Amino acid sequence: MVEAVAKTFARYEGSDVARTVHATTELFGRLEDDPVRRFGLSAPVDRSEILRRLDALTAV
């Protein structure tokens, strides 16, 4: 988890900002997984679609 959080900080270069946005999205998705599984909920969004769109927006 420490490694996942470390990846969420940017150095303000385009490619680095794109990396941190992607890493932040993945981290929050992982944090969502446990309560979704534990309480039998369904994820409100398709994470792979969000990541695909973010990658398209942040392509450098």
PDB file of N, CA and C in Angstrom:
ATOM      1  N   MET A   1       0.826  -1.180   0.000  1.00  0.00           N
ATOM      2  CA  MET A   1       0.000   0.000   0.000  1.00  0.00           C
ATOM      3  C   MET A   1       0.878   1.256   0.000  1.00  0.00           C
ATOM      4  N   VAL A   2       1.996   1.233   0.730  1.00  0.00           N
ATOM      5  CA  VAL A   2       2.890   2.393   0.766  1.00  0.00           C
ATOM      6  C   VAL A   2       3.395   2.704  -0.635  1.00  0.00           C
ATOM      7  N   GLU A   3       3.755   1.676  -1.385  1.00  0.00           N
ATOM      8  CA  GLU A   3       4.225   1.872  -2.759  1.00  0.00           C
ATOM      9  C   GLU A   3       3.124   2.473  -3.626  1.00  0.00           C
ATOM     10  N   ALA A   4       1.892   2.032  -3.440  1.00  0.00           N
ATOM     11  CA  ALA A   4       0.764   2.560  -4.215  1.00  0.00           C
ATOM     12  C   ALA A   4       0.556   4.038  -3.924  1.00  0.00           C
ATOM     13  N   VAL A   5       0.651   4.435  -2.660  1.00  0.00           N
ATOM     14  CA  VAL A   5       0.478   5.848  -2.303  1.00  0.00           C
ATOM     15  C   VAL A   5       1.630   6.676  -2.853  1.00  0.00           C
ATOM     16  N   ALA A   6       2.846   6.168  -2.800  1.00  0.00           N
ATOM     17  CA  ALA A   6       4.002   6.910  -3.306  1.00  0.00           C
ATOM     18  C   ALA A   6       3.849   7.261  -4.777  1.00  0.00           C
ATOM     19  N   LYS A   7       3.193   6.408  -5.532  1.00  0.00           N
ATOM     20  CA  LYS A   7       3.008   6.653  -6.962  1.00  0.00           C
ATOM     21  C   LYS A   7       1.986   7.746  -7.252  1.00  0.00           C
ATOM     22  N   THR A   8       1.297   8.245  -6.243  1.00  0.00           N
ATOM     23  CA  THR A   8       0.253   9.250  -6.470  1.00  0.00           C
ATOM     24  C   THR A   8       0.778  10.683  -6.410  1.00  0.00           C
ATOM     25  N   PHE A   9       2.071  10.884  -6.231  1.00  0.00           N
ATOM     26  CA  PHE A   9       2.656  12.220  -6.179  1.00  0.00           C
ATOM     27  C   PHE A   9       3.367  12.540  -7.486  1.00  0.00           C
ATOM     28  N   ALA A  10       3.185  13.778  -7.985  1.00  0.00           N
ATOM     29  CA  ALA A  10       3.736  14.178  -9.282  1.00  0.00           C
ATOM     30  C   ALA A  10       4.909  15.136  -9.124  1.00  0.00           C
ATOM     31  N   ARG A  11       5.701  15.221 -10.193  1.00  0.00           N
ATOM     32  CA  ARG A  11       6.768  16.208 -10.278  1.00  0.00           C
ATOM     33  C   ARG A  11       6.417  17.278 -11.313  1.00  0.00           C
ATOM     34  N   TYR A  12       5.172  17.317 -11.731  1.00  0.00           N
ATOM     35  CA  TYR A  12       4.619  18.331 -12.626  1.00  0.00           C
ATOM     36  C   TYR A  12       5.190  18.297 -14.038  1.00  0.00           C
ATOM     37  N   GLU A  13       5.587  17.146 -14.494  1.00  0.00           N
ATOM     38  CA  GLU A  13       5.892  16.921 -15.899  1.00  0.00           C
ATOM     39  C   GLU A  13       4.674  16.190 -16.454  1.00  0.00           C
ATOM     40  N   GLY A  14       4.350  16.458 -17.711  1.00  0.00           N
ATOM     41  CA  GLY A  14       3.147  15.874 -18.295  1.00  0.00           C
ATOM     42  C   GLY A  14       3.025  14.379 -18.079  1.00  0.00           C
ATOM     43  N   SER A  15       4.075  13.655 -18.392  1.00  0.00           N
ATOM     44  CA  SER A  15       4.017  12.196 -18.257  1.00  0.00           C
ATOM     45  C   SER A  15       3.918  11.775 -16.794  1.00  0.00           C
ATOM     46  N   ASP A  16       4.526  12.556 -15.912  1.00  0.00           N
ATOM     47  CA  ASP A  16       4.475  12.229 -14.493  1.00  0.00           C
ATOM     48  C   ASP A  16       3.087  12.499 -13.925  1.00  0.00           C
ATOM     49  N   VAL A  17       2.470  13.593 -14.342  1.00  0.00           N
ATOM     50  CA  VAL A  17       1.107  13.888 -13.901  1.00  0.00           C
ATOM     51  C   VAL A  17       0.164  12.786 -14.384  1.00  0.00           C
ATOM     52  N   ALA A  18       0.333  12.356 -15.630  1.00  0.00           N
ATOM     53  CA  ALA A  18      -0.497  11.271 -16.168  1.00  0.00           C
ATOM     54  C   ALA A  18      -0.319  10.002 -15.335  1.00  0.00           C
ATOM     55  N   ARG A  19       0.919   9.702 -14.969  1.00  0.00           N
ATOM     56  CA  ARG A  19       1.199   8.518 -14.149  1.00  0.00           C
ATOM     57  C   ARG A  19       0.503   8.618 -12.800  1.00  0.00           C
ATOM     58  N   THR A  20       0.552   9.808 -12.174  1.00  0.00           N
ATOM     59  CA  THR A  20      -0.046   9.947 -10.852  1.00  0.00           C
ATOM     60  C   THR A  20      -1.572   9.877 -10.899  1.00  0.00           C
ATOM     61  N   VAL A  21      -2.168  10.426 -11.944  1.00  0.00           N
ATOM     62  CA  VAL A  21      -3.628  10.336 -12.081  1.00  0.00           C
ATOM     63  C   VAL A  21      -4.034   8.868 -12.217  1.00  0.00           C
ATOM     64  N   HIS A  22      -3.298   8.136 -13.035  1.00  0.00           N
ATOM     65  CA  HIS A  22      -3.583   6.713 -13.228  1.00  0.00           C
ATOM     66  C   HIS A  22      -3.396   5.953 -11.903  1.00  0.00           C
ATOM     67  N   ALA A  23      -2.283   6.209 -11.219  1.00  0.00           N
ATOM     68  CA  ALA A  23      -1.996   5.516  -9.959  1.00  0.00           C
ATOM     69  C   ALA A  23      -3.037   5.842  -8.891  1.00  0.00           C
ATOM     70  N   THR A  24      -3.476   7.095  -8.835  1.00  0.00           N
ATOM     71  CA  THR A  24      -4.494   7.493  -7.864  1.00  0.00           C
ATOM     72  C   THR A  24      -5.813   6.781  -8.140  1.00  0.00           C
ATOM     73  N   THR A  25      -6.175   6.702  -9.409  1.00  0.00           N
ATOM     74  CA  THR A  25      -7.408   6.011  -9.792  1.00  0.00           C
ATOM     75  C   THR A  25      -7.330   4.537  -9.417  1.00  0.00           C
ATOM     76  N   GLU A  26      -6.195   3.905  -9.691  1.00  0.00           N
ATOM     77  CA  GLU A  26      -6.027   2.496  -9.326  1.00  0.00           C
ATOM     78  C   GLU A  26      -6.075   2.302  -7.812  1.00  0.00           C
ATOM     79  N   LEU A  27      -5.423   3.200  -7.067  1.00  0.00           N
ATOM     80  CA  LEU A  27      -5.403   3.090  -5.607  1.00  0.00           C
ATOM     81  C   LEU A  27      -6.811   3.205  -5.026  1.00  0.00           C
ATOM     82  N   PHE A  28      -7.565   4.213  -5.454  1.00  0.00           N
ATOM     83  CA  PHE A  28      -8.919   4.365  -4.928  1.00  0.00           C
ATOM     84  C   PHE A  28      -9.807   3.201  -5.360  1.00  0.00           C
ATOM     85  N   GLY A  29      -9.544   2.656  -6.526  1.00  0.00           N
ATOM     86  CA  GLY A  29     -10.280   1.467  -6.957  1.00  0.00           C
ATOM     87  C   GLY A  29      -9.999   0.284  -6.056  1.00  0.00           C
ATOM     88  N   ARG A  30      -8.736   0.113  -5.686  1.00  0.00           N
ATOM     89  CA  ARG A  30      -8.374  -0.980  -4.778  1.00  0.00           C
ATOM     90  C   ARG A  30      -9.007  -0.778  -3.410  1.00  0.00           C
ATOM     91  N   LEU A  31      -9.053   0.476  -2.950  1.00  0.00           N
ATOM     92  CA  LEU A  31      -9.685   0.767  -1.665  1.00  0.00           C
ATOM     93  C   LEU A  31     -11.190   0.506  -1.714  1.00  0.00           C
ATOM     94  N   GLU A  32     -11.769   0.638  -2.895  1.00  0.00           N
ATOM     95  CA  GLU A  32     -13.197   0.373  -3.081  1.00  0.00           C
ATOM     96  C   GLU A  32     -13.496  -1.128  -3.046  1.00  0.00           C
ATOM     97  N   ASP A  33     -12.548  -1.938  -3.491  1.00  0.00           N
ATOM     98  CA  ASP A  33     -12.785  -3.378  -3.639  1.00  0.00           C
ATOM     99  C   ASP A  33     -13.216  -4.068  -2.347  1.00  0.00           C
ATOM    100  N   ASP A  34     -12.574  -3.744  -1.234  1.00  0.00           N
ATOM    101  CA  ASP A  34     -12.867  -4.452   0.016  1.00  0.00           C
ATOM    102  C   ASP A  34     -14.309  -4.249   0.481  1.00  0.00           C
ATOM    103  N   PRO A  35     -14.789  -3.007   0.636  1.00  0.00           N
ATOM    104  CA  PRO A  35     -16.186  -2.870   1.080  1.00  0.00           C
ATOM    105  C   PRO A  35     -17.195  -3.411   0.066  1.00  0.00           C
ATOM    106  N   VAL A  36     -16.870  -3.297  -1.214  1.00  0.00           N
ATOM    107  CA  VAL A  36     -17.767  -3.847  -2.240  1.00  0.00           C
ATOM    108  C   VAL A  36     -17.907  -5.349  -2.034  1.00  0.00           C
ATOM    109  N   ARG A  37     -16.780  -6.020  -1.854  1.00  0.00           N
ATOM    110  CA  ARG A  37     -16.784  -7.467  -1.650  1.00  0.00           C
ATOM    111  C   ARG A  37     -17.398  -7.825  -0.285  1.00  0.00           C
ATOM    112  N   ARG A  38     -16.983  -7.116   0.752  1.00  0.00           N
ATOM    113  CA  ARG A  38     -17.408  -7.428   2.119  1.00  0.00           C
ATOM    114  C   ARG A  38     -18.916  -7.284   2.324  1.00  0.00           C
ATOM    115  N   PHE A  39     -19.506  -6.261   1.716  1.00  0.00           N
ATOM    116  CA  PHE A  39     -20.932  -5.995   1.939  1.00  0.00           C
ATOM    117  C   PHE A  39     -21.810  -6.400   0.762  1.00  0.00           C
ATOM    118  N   GLY A  40     -21.224  -7.103  -0.203  1.00  0.00           N
ATOM    119  CA  GLY A  40     -22.001  -7.596  -1.335  1.00  0.00           C
ATOM    120  C   GLY A  40     -22.563  -6.490  -2.210  1.00  0.00           C
ATOM    121  N   LEU A  41     -21.814  -5.406  -2.336  1.00  0.00           N
ATOM    122  CA  LEU A  41     -22.257  -4.275  -3.152  1.00  0.00           C
ATOM    123  C   LEU A  41     -21.792  -4.450  -4.586  1.00  0.00           C
ATOM    124  N   SER A  42     -22.262  -3.593  -5.449  1.00  0.00           N
ATOM    125  CA  SER A  42     -21.741  -3.583  -6.815  1.00  0.00           C
ATOM    126  C   SER A  42     -21.010  -2.264  -7.021  1.00  0.00           C
ATOM    127  N   ALA A  43     -19.910  -2.328  -7.740  1.00  0.00           N
ATOM    128  CA  ALA A  43     -19.140  -1.119  -8.032  1.00  0.00           C
ATOM    129  C   ALA A  43     -19.986  -0.215  -8.923  1.00  0.00           C
ATOM    130  N   PRO A  44     -20.064   1.081  -8.609  1.00  0.00           N
ATOM    131  CA  PRO A  44     -20.938   1.983  -9.360  1.00  0.00           C
ATOM    132  C   PRO A  44     -20.459   2.288 -10.780  1.00  0.00           C
ATOM    133  N   VAL A  45     -19.179   2.055 -11.044  1.00  0.00           N
ATOM    134  CA  VAL A  45     -18.627   2.364 -12.367  1.00  0.00           C
ATOM    135  C   VAL A  45     -17.679   1.257 -12.809  1.00  0.00           C
ATOM    136  N   ASP A  46     -17.438   1.208 -14.099  1.00  0.00           N
ATOM    137  CA  ASP A  46     -16.491   0.255 -14.668  1.00  0.00           C
ATOM    138  C   ASP A  46     -15.095   0.876 -14.596  1.00  0.00           C
ATOM    139  N   ARG A  47     -14.277   0.407 -13.666  1.00  0.00           N
ATOM    140  CA  ARG A  47     -12.951   0.986 -13.448  1.00  0.00           C
ATOM    141  C   ARG A  47     -12.077   0.912 -14.700  1.00  0.00           C
ATOM    142  N   SER A  48     -12.148  -0.176 -15.437  1.00  0.00           N
ATOM    143  CA  SER A  48     -11.314  -0.294 -16.638  1.00  0.00           C
ATOM    144  C   SER A  48     -11.682   0.775 -17.663  1.00  0.00           C
ATOM    145  N   GLU A  49     -12.955   1.129 -17.735  1.00  0.00           N
ATOM    146  CA  GLU A  49     -13.387   2.190 -18.653  1.00  0.00           C
ATOM    147  C   GLU A  49     -12.867   3.549 -18.188  1.00  0.00           C
ATOM    148  N   ILE A  50     -12.895   3.795 -16.905  1.00  0.00           N
ATOM    149  CA  ILE A  50     -12.355   5.050 -16.379  1.00  0.00           C
ATOM    150  C   ILE A  50     -10.868   5.144 -16.681  1.00  0.00           C
ATOM    151  N   LEU A  51     -10.125   4.067 -16.434  1.00  0.00           N
ATOM    152  CA  LEU A  51      -8.687   4.076 -16.703  1.00  0.00           C
ATOM    153  C   LEU A  51      -8.405   4.261 -18.190  1.00  0.00           C
ATOM    154  N   ARG A  52      -9.203   3.634 -19.050  1.00  0.00           N
ATOM    155  CA  ARG A  52      -9.018   3.794 -20.490  1.00  0.00           C
ATOM    156  C   ARG A  52      -9.216   5.254 -20.889  1.00  0.00           C
ATOM    157  N   ARG A  53     -10.260   5.879 -20.363  1.00  0.00           N
ATOM    158  CA  ARG A  53     -10.530   7.285 -20.694  1.00  0.00           C
ATOM    159  C   ARG A  53      -9.454   8.206 -20.138  1.00  0.00           C
ATOM    160  N   LEU A  54      -9.003   7.950 -18.917  1.00  0.00           N
ATOM    161  CA  LEU A  54      -7.924   8.758 -18.348  1.00  0.00           C
ATOM    162  C   LEU A  54      -6.654   8.630 -19.172  1.00  0.00           C
ATOM    163  N   ASP A  55      -6.333   7.415 -19.585  1.00  0.00           N
ATOM    164  CA  ASP A  55      -5.144   7.208 -20.413  1.00  0.00           C
ATOM    165  C   ASP A  55      -5.255   7.984 -21.718  1.00  0.00           C
ATOM    166  N   ALA A  56      -6.445   8.001 -22.305  1.00  0.00           N
ATOM    167  CA  ALA A  56      -6.643   8.749 -23.550  1.00  0.00           C
ATOM    168  C   ALA A  56      -6.490  10.250 -23.310  1.00  0.00           C
ATOM    169  N   LEU A  57      -7.006  10.739 -22.198  1.00  0.00           N
ATOM    170  CA  LEU A  57      -6.915  12.170 -21.888  1.00  0.00           C
ATOM    171  C   LEU A  57      -5.501  12.611 -21.542  1.00  0.00           C
ATOM    172  N   THR A  58      -4.752  11.726 -20.906  1.00  0.00           N
ATOM    173  CA  THR A  58      -3.426  12.113 -20.424  1.00  0.00           C
ATOM    174  C   THR A  58      -2.300  11.621 -21.321  1.00  0.00           C
ATOM    175  N   ALA A  59      -2.640  11.088 -22.484  1.00  0.00           N
ATOM    176  CA  ALA A  59      -1.599  10.609 -23.404  1.00  0.00           C
ATOM    177  C   ALA A  59      -0.679  11.773 -23.759  1.00  0.00           C
ATOM    178  N   VAL A  60       0.593  11.534 -23.583  1.00  0.00           N
ATOM    179  CA  VAL A  60       1.583  12.596 -23.832  1.00  0.00           C
ATOM    180  C   VAL A  60       2.382  12.266 -25.064  1.00  0.00           C
TER     181      VAL A  60
END
